[in-house]
N, C-alpha and C. Protein backbone atom coordinates (compact mmCIF):
# COMPACT_ATOMS: atom_id res chain seq x y z
N MET A 1 9.45 3.24 2.41
CA MET A 1 9.57 3.81 1.09
C MET A 1 8.33 4.61 0.71
N ALA A 2 7.15 4.04 0.98
CA ALA A 2 5.91 4.73 0.62
C ALA A 2 5.80 6.06 1.37
N GLY A 3 6.10 6.04 2.65
CA GLY A 3 6.03 7.27 3.43
C GLY A 3 6.97 8.35 2.94
N LEU A 4 8.18 7.96 2.56
CA LEU A 4 9.14 8.93 2.03
C LEU A 4 8.64 9.53 0.72
N LEU A 5 8.08 8.70 -0.15
CA LEU A 5 7.58 9.21 -1.42
C LEU A 5 6.38 10.13 -1.22
N LEU A 6 5.50 9.79 -0.31
CA LEU A 6 4.36 10.67 -0.03
C LEU A 6 4.84 12.00 0.53
N ALA A 7 5.82 11.94 1.42
CA ALA A 7 6.31 13.15 2.10
C ALA A 7 7.03 14.11 1.16
N GLU A 8 7.46 13.65 -0.01
CA GLU A 8 8.12 14.56 -0.95
C GLU A 8 7.20 15.70 -1.37
N LYS A 9 5.90 15.44 -1.42
CA LYS A 9 4.94 16.46 -1.87
C LYS A 9 3.90 16.81 -0.81
N ALA A 10 3.62 15.89 0.09
CA ALA A 10 2.57 16.13 1.08
C ALA A 10 3.05 17.12 2.14
N PRO A 11 2.18 18.04 2.56
CA PRO A 11 2.58 19.00 3.60
C PRO A 11 2.71 18.34 4.97
N ALA A 12 3.28 19.06 5.90
CA ALA A 12 3.49 18.53 7.25
C ALA A 12 2.18 18.17 7.94
N ASP A 13 1.09 18.82 7.57
CA ASP A 13 -0.21 18.54 8.18
C ASP A 13 -1.14 17.84 7.19
N ALA A 14 -0.59 16.96 6.37
CA ALA A 14 -1.34 16.32 5.29
C ALA A 14 -2.51 15.48 5.78
N ARG A 15 -3.52 15.44 4.92
CA ARG A 15 -4.62 14.49 5.07
C ARG A 15 -4.37 13.40 4.02
N VAL A 16 -4.20 12.16 4.49
CA VAL A 16 -3.75 11.07 3.63
C VAL A 16 -4.83 9.99 3.56
N LEU A 17 -5.13 9.55 2.33
CA LEU A 17 -6.06 8.46 2.08
C LEU A 17 -5.27 7.17 1.99
N VAL A 18 -5.65 6.18 2.79
CA VAL A 18 -4.98 4.87 2.77
C VAL A 18 -6.02 3.83 2.39
N LEU A 19 -5.90 3.34 1.17
CA LEU A 19 -6.83 2.33 0.65
C LEU A 19 -6.25 0.95 0.92
N GLY A 20 -7.05 0.08 1.54
CA GLY A 20 -6.56 -1.22 1.97
C GLY A 20 -5.85 -1.08 3.31
N ALA A 21 -6.50 -0.38 4.24
CA ALA A 21 -5.86 -0.01 5.52
C ALA A 21 -5.94 -1.08 6.59
N GLY A 22 -6.62 -2.18 6.30
CA GLY A 22 -6.77 -3.24 7.31
C GLY A 22 -5.43 -3.74 7.82
N GLY A 23 -5.37 -4.05 9.08
CA GLY A 23 -4.13 -4.47 9.71
C GLY A 23 -3.41 -3.31 10.37
N GLY A 24 -3.36 -2.17 9.69
CA GLY A 24 -2.85 -0.95 10.28
C GLY A 24 -1.35 -0.75 10.25
N GLU A 25 -0.60 -1.68 9.66
CA GLU A 25 0.87 -1.55 9.68
C GLU A 25 1.35 -0.31 8.96
N GLU A 26 0.85 -0.07 7.74
CA GLU A 26 1.33 1.13 7.02
C GLU A 26 0.84 2.39 7.71
N LEU A 27 -0.38 2.38 8.24
CA LEU A 27 -0.87 3.54 8.98
C LEU A 27 0.02 3.84 10.18
N ARG A 28 0.40 2.81 10.90
CA ARG A 28 1.27 3.01 12.07
C ARG A 28 2.61 3.62 11.65
N THR A 29 3.19 3.08 10.57
CA THR A 29 4.47 3.60 10.10
C THR A 29 4.33 5.05 9.66
N PHE A 30 3.29 5.36 8.88
CA PHE A 30 3.08 6.75 8.46
C PHE A 30 2.87 7.66 9.66
N ALA A 31 2.07 7.22 10.62
CA ALA A 31 1.75 8.05 11.79
C ALA A 31 2.98 8.28 12.67
N GLU A 32 3.82 7.26 12.81
CA GLU A 32 5.02 7.41 13.63
C GLU A 32 6.02 8.38 13.00
N THR A 33 6.14 8.34 11.70
CA THR A 33 7.16 9.16 11.03
C THR A 33 6.66 10.55 10.64
N HIS A 34 5.34 10.75 10.67
CA HIS A 34 4.76 12.05 10.29
C HIS A 34 3.70 12.41 11.33
N PRO A 35 4.12 12.98 12.45
CA PRO A 35 3.23 13.17 13.60
C PRO A 35 2.07 14.13 13.40
N ASN A 36 2.07 14.91 12.33
CA ASN A 36 0.95 15.83 12.10
C ASN A 36 0.04 15.41 10.95
N TRP A 37 0.32 14.26 10.35
CA TRP A 37 -0.58 13.76 9.31
C TRP A 37 -1.84 13.19 9.95
N ARG A 38 -2.97 13.33 9.23
CA ARG A 38 -4.23 12.70 9.61
C ARG A 38 -4.63 11.76 8.48
N PHE A 39 -5.35 10.72 8.82
CA PHE A 39 -5.58 9.65 7.85
C PHE A 39 -7.05 9.25 7.76
N ASP A 40 -7.44 8.86 6.54
CA ASP A 40 -8.70 8.17 6.31
C ASP A 40 -8.31 6.81 5.77
N GLY A 41 -8.63 5.76 6.53
CA GLY A 41 -8.30 4.40 6.14
C GLY A 41 -9.53 3.66 5.66
N VAL A 42 -9.42 3.01 4.51
CA VAL A 42 -10.54 2.31 3.90
C VAL A 42 -10.19 0.83 3.75
N ASP A 43 -11.11 -0.04 4.16
CA ASP A 43 -10.91 -1.48 4.00
C ASP A 43 -12.28 -2.16 4.09
N PRO A 44 -12.51 -3.21 3.28
CA PRO A 44 -13.82 -3.87 3.32
C PRO A 44 -14.01 -4.83 4.49
N SER A 45 -12.94 -5.16 5.21
CA SER A 45 -13.03 -6.17 6.27
C SER A 45 -13.10 -5.53 7.65
N SER A 46 -14.22 -5.76 8.34
CA SER A 46 -14.36 -5.22 9.70
C SER A 46 -13.32 -5.84 10.64
N GLU A 47 -12.99 -7.12 10.42
CA GLU A 47 -11.99 -7.79 11.26
C GLU A 47 -10.61 -7.14 11.08
N MET A 48 -10.26 -6.83 9.84
CA MET A 48 -8.96 -6.20 9.59
C MET A 48 -8.93 -4.78 10.12
N LEU A 49 -10.05 -4.08 10.06
CA LEU A 49 -10.08 -2.73 10.63
C LEU A 49 -9.95 -2.78 12.14
N GLN A 50 -10.53 -3.80 12.76
CA GLN A 50 -10.38 -3.96 14.21
C GLN A 50 -8.91 -4.21 14.56
N LEU A 51 -8.25 -5.04 13.76
CA LEU A 51 -6.82 -5.27 13.97
C LEU A 51 -6.04 -3.97 13.81
N ALA A 52 -6.41 -3.15 12.83
CA ALA A 52 -5.75 -1.87 12.63
C ALA A 52 -5.91 -0.98 13.86
N ARG A 53 -7.08 -0.98 14.44
CA ARG A 53 -7.30 -0.17 15.66
C ARG A 53 -6.35 -0.61 16.77
N SER A 54 -6.19 -1.91 16.93
CA SER A 54 -5.27 -2.44 17.96
C SER A 54 -3.83 -2.07 17.62
N THR A 55 -3.47 -2.18 16.36
CA THR A 55 -2.11 -1.87 15.91
C THR A 55 -1.76 -0.41 16.17
N LEU A 56 -2.72 0.48 15.97
CA LEU A 56 -2.46 1.91 16.10
C LEU A 56 -2.41 2.40 17.54
N GLY A 57 -3.14 1.75 18.42
CA GLY A 57 -3.12 2.16 19.81
C GLY A 57 -3.45 3.63 20.00
N SER A 58 -2.56 4.37 20.64
CA SER A 58 -2.81 5.78 20.96
C SER A 58 -2.86 6.68 19.73
N MET A 59 -2.39 6.20 18.58
CA MET A 59 -2.42 7.01 17.36
C MET A 59 -3.77 6.95 16.67
N MET A 60 -4.70 6.16 17.21
CA MET A 60 -6.04 6.02 16.61
C MET A 60 -6.76 7.35 16.49
N SER A 61 -6.44 8.31 17.34
CA SER A 61 -7.14 9.60 17.31
C SER A 61 -6.88 10.36 16.01
N ARG A 62 -5.87 9.95 15.24
CA ARG A 62 -5.53 10.63 13.98
C ARG A 62 -6.08 9.91 12.76
N VAL A 63 -6.87 8.84 12.99
CA VAL A 63 -7.36 8.02 11.89
C VAL A 63 -8.87 7.92 11.94
N THR A 64 -9.50 8.07 10.78
CA THR A 64 -10.93 7.79 10.62
C THR A 64 -11.04 6.60 9.69
N PHE A 65 -11.72 5.55 10.13
CA PHE A 65 -11.86 4.36 9.30
C PHE A 65 -13.20 4.36 8.57
N HIS A 66 -13.17 3.77 7.38
CA HIS A 66 -14.36 3.64 6.54
C HIS A 66 -14.40 2.19 6.07
N GLU A 67 -15.39 1.43 6.54
CA GLU A 67 -15.51 0.05 6.11
C GLU A 67 -16.14 0.03 4.73
N GLY A 68 -15.42 -0.55 3.77
CA GLY A 68 -15.92 -0.62 2.41
C GLY A 68 -14.80 -0.47 1.41
N TYR A 69 -15.15 0.11 0.27
CA TYR A 69 -14.23 0.25 -0.85
C TYR A 69 -14.02 1.74 -1.14
N ILE A 70 -13.30 2.05 -2.19
CA ILE A 70 -12.96 3.44 -2.47
C ILE A 70 -14.20 4.32 -2.57
N HIS A 71 -15.29 3.81 -3.06
CA HIS A 71 -16.50 4.63 -3.20
C HIS A 71 -17.15 4.95 -1.86
N ASP A 72 -16.68 4.28 -0.80
CA ASP A 72 -17.16 4.56 0.55
C ASP A 72 -16.27 5.58 1.26
N ALA A 73 -15.20 5.99 0.61
CA ALA A 73 -14.26 6.96 1.19
C ALA A 73 -14.80 8.37 1.01
N PRO A 74 -14.40 9.29 1.88
CA PRO A 74 -14.77 10.70 1.69
C PRO A 74 -14.22 11.22 0.36
N GLU A 75 -14.82 12.27 -0.12
CA GLU A 75 -14.41 12.86 -1.39
C GLU A 75 -13.09 13.62 -1.29
N GLY A 76 -12.65 13.92 -0.07
CA GLY A 76 -11.40 14.67 0.07
C GLY A 76 -11.65 16.16 0.00
N PRO A 77 -10.74 16.92 -0.54
CA PRO A 77 -9.56 16.44 -1.25
C PRO A 77 -8.43 16.06 -0.29
N PHE A 78 -7.66 15.07 -0.71
CA PHE A 78 -6.54 14.56 0.07
C PHE A 78 -5.22 15.11 -0.48
N ASP A 79 -4.23 15.16 0.40
CA ASP A 79 -2.89 15.62 0.02
C ASP A 79 -2.02 14.49 -0.52
N ALA A 80 -2.42 13.25 -0.27
CA ALA A 80 -1.64 12.09 -0.70
C ALA A 80 -2.51 10.85 -0.52
N ALA A 81 -2.12 9.76 -1.19
CA ALA A 81 -2.84 8.49 -1.05
C ALA A 81 -1.89 7.33 -1.26
N SER A 82 -2.22 6.22 -0.60
CA SER A 82 -1.47 4.98 -0.81
C SER A 82 -2.44 3.82 -0.97
N CYS A 83 -1.97 2.80 -1.67
CA CYS A 83 -2.74 1.56 -1.83
C CYS A 83 -1.72 0.44 -1.94
N LEU A 84 -1.43 -0.20 -0.81
CA LEU A 84 -0.39 -1.21 -0.76
C LEU A 84 -1.00 -2.60 -0.61
N LEU A 85 -0.55 -3.51 -1.46
CA LEU A 85 -0.94 -4.93 -1.41
C LEU A 85 -2.44 -5.14 -1.55
N THR A 86 -3.07 -4.33 -2.38
CA THR A 86 -4.53 -4.38 -2.55
C THR A 86 -4.96 -4.50 -4.00
N LEU A 87 -4.40 -3.71 -4.89
CA LEU A 87 -4.90 -3.66 -6.26
C LEU A 87 -4.80 -4.99 -6.99
N HIS A 88 -3.90 -5.87 -6.58
CA HIS A 88 -3.78 -7.16 -7.28
C HIS A 88 -5.02 -8.05 -7.08
N PHE A 89 -5.91 -7.69 -6.17
CA PHE A 89 -7.16 -8.44 -6.00
C PHE A 89 -8.24 -8.02 -7.01
N LEU A 90 -8.02 -6.92 -7.71
CA LEU A 90 -9.03 -6.35 -8.61
C LEU A 90 -8.71 -6.66 -10.07
N ASP A 91 -9.75 -7.02 -10.83
CA ASP A 91 -9.53 -7.21 -12.26
C ASP A 91 -9.26 -5.85 -12.90
N GLU A 92 -8.90 -5.86 -14.17
CA GLU A 92 -8.46 -4.62 -14.81
C GLU A 92 -9.54 -3.54 -14.77
N GLU A 93 -10.79 -3.89 -15.05
CA GLU A 93 -11.86 -2.89 -15.05
C GLU A 93 -12.04 -2.27 -13.67
N GLU A 94 -12.09 -3.09 -12.62
CA GLU A 94 -12.25 -2.58 -11.26
C GLU A 94 -11.02 -1.79 -10.82
N ARG A 95 -9.87 -2.22 -11.26
CA ARG A 95 -8.63 -1.50 -10.93
C ARG A 95 -8.67 -0.10 -11.51
N ARG A 96 -9.12 0.02 -12.76
CA ARG A 96 -9.22 1.33 -13.39
C ARG A 96 -10.24 2.22 -12.66
N LYS A 97 -11.37 1.65 -12.29
CA LYS A 97 -12.38 2.42 -11.56
C LYS A 97 -11.82 2.90 -10.22
N THR A 98 -11.09 2.03 -9.54
CA THR A 98 -10.54 2.37 -8.24
C THR A 98 -9.48 3.46 -8.35
N VAL A 99 -8.56 3.31 -9.29
CA VAL A 99 -7.50 4.31 -9.48
C VAL A 99 -8.11 5.65 -9.88
N SER A 100 -9.13 5.63 -10.75
CA SER A 100 -9.81 6.88 -11.13
C SER A 100 -10.48 7.54 -9.93
N ALA A 101 -11.09 6.73 -9.06
CA ALA A 101 -11.75 7.27 -7.88
C ALA A 101 -10.74 7.88 -6.90
N VAL A 102 -9.56 7.27 -6.78
CA VAL A 102 -8.50 7.87 -5.95
C VAL A 102 -8.07 9.20 -6.58
N HIS A 103 -7.86 9.20 -7.87
CA HIS A 103 -7.44 10.42 -8.58
C HIS A 103 -8.39 11.57 -8.30
N ARG A 104 -9.69 11.32 -8.38
CA ARG A 104 -10.70 12.37 -8.15
C ARG A 104 -10.63 12.93 -6.74
N ARG A 105 -10.14 12.15 -5.79
CA ARG A 105 -10.12 12.56 -4.39
C ARG A 105 -8.83 13.29 -4.00
N LEU A 106 -7.88 13.40 -4.90
CA LEU A 106 -6.61 14.04 -4.58
C LEU A 106 -6.55 15.48 -5.07
N LYS A 107 -5.80 16.29 -4.32
CA LYS A 107 -5.50 17.64 -4.77
C LYS A 107 -4.52 17.57 -5.94
N PRO A 108 -4.48 18.59 -6.80
CA PRO A 108 -3.51 18.60 -7.90
C PRO A 108 -2.09 18.43 -7.36
N ASP A 109 -1.29 17.66 -8.09
CA ASP A 109 0.12 17.41 -7.81
C ASP A 109 0.34 16.49 -6.60
N SER A 110 -0.73 15.91 -6.06
CA SER A 110 -0.59 15.02 -4.90
C SER A 110 -0.06 13.65 -5.31
N PRO A 111 0.79 13.05 -4.48
CA PRO A 111 1.34 11.74 -4.80
C PRO A 111 0.38 10.59 -4.48
N PHE A 112 0.47 9.55 -5.28
CA PHE A 112 -0.25 8.30 -5.06
C PHE A 112 0.77 7.18 -5.18
N VAL A 113 0.91 6.38 -4.12
CA VAL A 113 1.87 5.28 -4.09
C VAL A 113 1.09 3.97 -4.08
N VAL A 114 1.45 3.07 -4.99
CA VAL A 114 0.84 1.75 -5.05
C VAL A 114 1.94 0.70 -5.07
N ALA A 115 1.65 -0.46 -4.50
CA ALA A 115 2.56 -1.61 -4.58
C ALA A 115 1.72 -2.88 -4.44
N HIS A 116 2.00 -3.84 -5.32
CA HIS A 116 1.24 -5.08 -5.31
C HIS A 116 1.91 -6.10 -6.24
N HIS A 117 1.36 -7.32 -6.29
CA HIS A 117 1.85 -8.31 -7.23
C HIS A 117 1.65 -7.79 -8.65
N SER A 118 2.69 -7.86 -9.46
CA SER A 118 2.61 -7.43 -10.86
C SER A 118 3.72 -8.15 -11.62
N PHE A 119 3.32 -9.02 -12.53
CA PHE A 119 4.29 -9.77 -13.32
C PHE A 119 3.63 -10.21 -14.62
N PRO A 120 4.39 -10.67 -15.60
CA PRO A 120 3.79 -11.05 -16.88
C PRO A 120 2.60 -11.99 -16.66
N ASN A 121 1.49 -11.70 -17.34
CA ASN A 121 0.27 -12.47 -17.07
C ASN A 121 -0.06 -13.49 -18.15
N THR A 122 0.92 -13.84 -18.97
CA THR A 122 0.75 -14.99 -19.86
C THR A 122 0.90 -16.24 -19.02
N SER A 123 0.45 -17.38 -19.51
CA SER A 123 0.56 -18.63 -18.74
C SER A 123 2.01 -18.92 -18.38
N ALA A 124 2.90 -18.82 -19.37
CA ALA A 124 4.32 -19.10 -19.11
C ALA A 124 4.91 -18.07 -18.14
N GLY A 125 4.53 -16.82 -18.31
CA GLY A 125 5.03 -15.77 -17.41
C GLY A 125 4.57 -15.97 -15.99
N LYS A 126 3.29 -16.28 -15.81
CA LYS A 126 2.77 -16.53 -14.46
C LYS A 126 3.51 -17.69 -13.81
N ASP A 127 3.64 -18.80 -14.55
CA ASP A 127 4.30 -19.97 -13.98
C ASP A 127 5.73 -19.67 -13.56
N LYS A 128 6.46 -18.96 -14.41
CA LYS A 128 7.86 -18.65 -14.10
C LYS A 128 7.96 -17.77 -12.86
N TRP A 129 7.15 -16.68 -12.81
CA TRP A 129 7.28 -15.75 -11.70
C TRP A 129 6.72 -16.31 -10.40
N LEU A 130 5.68 -17.12 -10.48
CA LEU A 130 5.17 -17.74 -9.25
C LEU A 130 6.14 -18.80 -8.74
N ALA A 131 6.84 -19.50 -9.63
CA ALA A 131 7.87 -20.45 -9.19
C ALA A 131 9.01 -19.71 -8.48
N ARG A 132 9.38 -18.56 -9.01
CA ARG A 132 10.42 -17.75 -8.36
C ARG A 132 9.94 -17.26 -6.99
N TYR A 133 8.69 -16.81 -6.94
CA TYR A 133 8.12 -16.34 -5.67
C TYR A 133 8.13 -17.48 -4.65
N ALA A 134 7.74 -18.68 -5.09
CA ALA A 134 7.72 -19.84 -4.20
C ALA A 134 9.13 -20.17 -3.71
N ALA A 135 10.10 -20.18 -4.61
CA ALA A 135 11.48 -20.49 -4.23
C ALA A 135 12.01 -19.48 -3.21
N PHE A 136 11.70 -18.21 -3.43
CA PHE A 136 12.14 -17.18 -2.49
C PHE A 136 11.48 -17.37 -1.13
N SER A 137 10.18 -17.65 -1.12
CA SER A 137 9.46 -17.84 0.14
C SER A 137 10.02 -19.02 0.92
N ILE A 138 10.30 -20.10 0.22
CA ILE A 138 10.87 -21.29 0.87
C ILE A 138 12.26 -20.99 1.41
N SER A 139 13.07 -20.28 0.62
CA SER A 139 14.42 -19.95 1.07
C SER A 139 14.41 -18.99 2.25
N SER A 140 13.28 -18.29 2.44
CA SER A 140 13.14 -17.37 3.56
C SER A 140 12.58 -18.04 4.81
N GLY A 141 12.36 -19.36 4.74
CA GLY A 141 11.94 -20.10 5.93
C GLY A 141 10.50 -20.57 5.95
N MET A 142 9.73 -20.27 4.93
CA MET A 142 8.35 -20.74 4.90
C MET A 142 8.33 -22.23 4.55
N SER A 143 7.31 -22.91 5.00
CA SER A 143 7.14 -24.33 4.73
C SER A 143 6.93 -24.56 3.25
N ALA A 144 7.71 -25.50 2.67
CA ALA A 144 7.59 -25.80 1.24
C ALA A 144 6.19 -26.30 0.91
N ASP A 145 5.62 -27.13 1.77
CA ASP A 145 4.27 -27.65 1.51
C ASP A 145 3.24 -26.52 1.49
N GLU A 146 3.37 -25.60 2.44
CA GLU A 146 2.44 -24.47 2.52
C GLU A 146 2.57 -23.56 1.30
N VAL A 147 3.80 -23.29 0.90
CA VAL A 147 4.03 -22.42 -0.26
C VAL A 147 3.51 -23.08 -1.53
N GLU A 148 3.84 -24.36 -1.73
CA GLU A 148 3.40 -25.06 -2.94
C GLU A 148 1.87 -25.15 -3.01
N ALA A 149 1.22 -25.30 -1.87
CA ALA A 149 -0.25 -25.35 -1.85
C ALA A 149 -0.85 -23.98 -2.16
N GLY A 150 -0.14 -22.92 -1.83
CA GLY A 150 -0.65 -21.57 -2.04
C GLY A 150 -0.54 -21.06 -3.47
N ILE A 151 0.37 -21.62 -4.27
CA ILE A 151 0.57 -21.13 -5.63
C ILE A 151 -0.68 -21.30 -6.49
N PRO A 152 -1.33 -22.46 -6.51
CA PRO A 152 -2.56 -22.56 -7.32
C PRO A 152 -3.65 -21.59 -6.85
N ARG A 153 -3.73 -21.35 -5.53
CA ARG A 153 -4.71 -20.38 -5.02
C ARG A 153 -4.40 -18.98 -5.54
N MET A 154 -3.10 -18.62 -5.54
CA MET A 154 -2.72 -17.30 -6.06
C MET A 154 -3.08 -17.19 -7.54
N LYS A 155 -2.81 -18.24 -8.31
CA LYS A 155 -3.12 -18.21 -9.74
C LYS A 155 -4.61 -18.01 -9.97
N GLY A 156 -5.44 -18.65 -9.15
CA GLY A 156 -6.88 -18.55 -9.32
C GLY A 156 -7.49 -17.30 -8.72
N LEU A 157 -6.86 -16.77 -7.69
CA LEU A 157 -7.43 -15.66 -6.92
C LEU A 157 -7.02 -14.29 -7.44
N LEU A 158 -5.79 -14.16 -7.89
CA LEU A 158 -5.26 -12.84 -8.24
C LEU A 158 -5.32 -12.58 -9.75
N PRO A 159 -6.08 -11.59 -10.17
CA PRO A 159 -6.09 -11.21 -11.59
C PRO A 159 -4.90 -10.31 -11.90
N VAL A 160 -3.71 -10.89 -11.83
CA VAL A 160 -2.47 -10.13 -11.96
C VAL A 160 -2.34 -9.52 -13.35
N LEU A 161 -1.87 -8.29 -13.38
CA LEU A 161 -1.55 -7.61 -14.63
C LEU A 161 -0.03 -7.46 -14.74
N SER A 162 0.42 -7.23 -15.94
CA SER A 162 1.86 -7.04 -16.14
C SER A 162 2.27 -5.66 -15.62
N PRO A 163 3.55 -5.46 -15.35
CA PRO A 163 4.01 -4.13 -14.93
C PRO A 163 3.67 -3.04 -15.94
N ASP A 164 3.77 -3.34 -17.23
CA ASP A 164 3.41 -2.33 -18.24
C ASP A 164 1.94 -1.97 -18.15
N GLN A 165 1.07 -2.96 -17.94
CA GLN A 165 -0.37 -2.70 -17.80
C GLN A 165 -0.66 -1.87 -16.55
N ASP A 166 -0.01 -2.22 -15.45
CA ASP A 166 -0.25 -1.49 -14.20
C ASP A 166 0.18 -0.02 -14.32
N ALA A 167 1.34 0.22 -14.91
CA ALA A 167 1.80 1.61 -15.08
C ALA A 167 0.87 2.37 -16.03
N ALA A 168 0.40 1.68 -17.08
CA ALA A 168 -0.50 2.32 -18.04
C ALA A 168 -1.82 2.72 -17.37
N ILE A 169 -2.33 1.90 -16.47
CA ILE A 169 -3.57 2.24 -15.76
C ILE A 169 -3.40 3.53 -14.99
N LEU A 170 -2.30 3.67 -14.29
CA LEU A 170 -2.05 4.91 -13.54
C LEU A 170 -2.04 6.11 -14.48
N ARG A 171 -1.34 6.00 -15.59
CA ARG A 171 -1.28 7.11 -16.55
C ARG A 171 -2.65 7.37 -17.18
N ASP A 172 -3.34 6.31 -17.59
CA ASP A 172 -4.66 6.45 -18.22
C ASP A 172 -5.68 7.11 -17.29
N CYS A 173 -5.51 6.91 -15.99
CA CYS A 173 -6.45 7.45 -15.01
C CYS A 173 -6.05 8.85 -14.53
N GLY A 174 -5.05 9.44 -15.16
CA GLY A 174 -4.74 10.84 -14.88
C GLY A 174 -3.50 11.11 -14.07
N PHE A 175 -2.71 10.09 -13.74
CA PHE A 175 -1.48 10.32 -12.99
C PHE A 175 -0.33 10.57 -13.96
N ARG A 176 0.51 11.53 -13.61
CA ARG A 176 1.65 11.88 -14.45
C ARG A 176 2.93 11.47 -13.75
N ASP A 177 4.01 11.47 -14.50
CA ASP A 177 5.34 11.16 -13.96
C ASP A 177 5.33 9.85 -13.18
N VAL A 178 4.67 8.84 -13.73
CA VAL A 178 4.59 7.53 -13.07
C VAL A 178 5.97 6.87 -13.12
N GLU A 179 6.48 6.51 -11.93
CA GLU A 179 7.80 5.90 -11.83
C GLU A 179 7.75 4.63 -10.99
N LEU A 180 8.48 3.62 -11.45
CA LEU A 180 8.67 2.41 -10.68
C LEU A 180 9.68 2.72 -9.57
N PHE A 181 9.31 2.46 -8.32
CA PHE A 181 10.26 2.69 -7.23
C PHE A 181 10.67 1.41 -6.53
N TYR A 182 9.95 0.31 -6.80
CA TYR A 182 10.26 -0.94 -6.11
C TYR A 182 10.00 -2.12 -7.03
N ALA A 183 10.91 -3.07 -7.04
CA ALA A 183 10.71 -4.33 -7.75
C ALA A 183 11.38 -5.43 -6.94
N GLY A 184 10.60 -6.37 -6.46
CA GLY A 184 11.11 -7.50 -5.71
C GLY A 184 10.34 -8.75 -6.10
N PHE A 185 10.92 -9.55 -6.99
CA PHE A 185 10.27 -10.73 -7.55
C PHE A 185 8.89 -10.37 -8.09
N THR A 186 7.82 -10.83 -7.47
CA THR A 186 6.50 -10.58 -8.06
C THR A 186 5.89 -9.25 -7.63
N PHE A 187 6.52 -8.56 -6.71
CA PHE A 187 5.98 -7.28 -6.22
C PHE A 187 6.62 -6.11 -6.95
N LYS A 188 5.78 -5.14 -7.32
CA LYS A 188 6.24 -3.91 -7.93
C LYS A 188 5.56 -2.75 -7.23
N GLY A 189 6.21 -1.58 -7.24
CA GLY A 189 5.62 -0.39 -6.65
C GLY A 189 5.85 0.83 -7.52
N TRP A 190 4.83 1.69 -7.62
CA TRP A 190 4.92 2.90 -8.44
C TRP A 190 4.48 4.11 -7.63
N VAL A 191 4.98 5.25 -8.04
CA VAL A 191 4.48 6.53 -7.54
C VAL A 191 4.10 7.35 -8.75
N GLY A 192 2.97 8.05 -8.63
CA GLY A 192 2.52 8.97 -9.67
C GLY A 192 1.89 10.17 -8.99
N TYR A 193 1.62 11.21 -9.78
CA TYR A 193 1.12 12.48 -9.22
C TYR A 193 -0.12 12.91 -9.98
N ARG A 194 -1.11 13.39 -9.23
CA ARG A 194 -2.36 13.81 -9.85
C ARG A 194 -2.09 15.00 -10.76
N ALA A 195 -2.50 14.85 -12.00
CA ALA A 195 -2.31 15.93 -12.97
C ALA A 195 -3.30 17.04 -12.69
């Protein structure tokens, strides 16, 4: 989904910024489906970047990695950017700084795709949505004990914002035409375009 949304505006020879690139799965998917795209992948974990190198194999020649955070990324300008399963680790202030820094690195009208945990952040809302997430995980074959043990860690670790707050951050940081493209229990995904 992210690759299709990026490709709607990105040229065939796009330079794409991938924030949270550790592991390399999204990079591999983007590289396989868009053979002339080049990538700058950013991640704070050297171990995850090493895994990404292994995941990419022969496609590594099209990727430049930057260990760190968005402020360690090149200034661009980039034709597109993605940030998947990463922003939910950042509190609201850091999230705004990060989204603004991505915005500054994009060419006008370039797409930015994000997806992460996003659900009501009141106590009752968190409990309800995390219970649903747990039930879905268990029904998908995960160990009930493992899932139940992970819920308190998620509550303490993730400074989750509501979907309205997440969409507002994108708009406040200069992205226009922000649209929800994915909703699956606690995960939401948006696409917006640099104004």
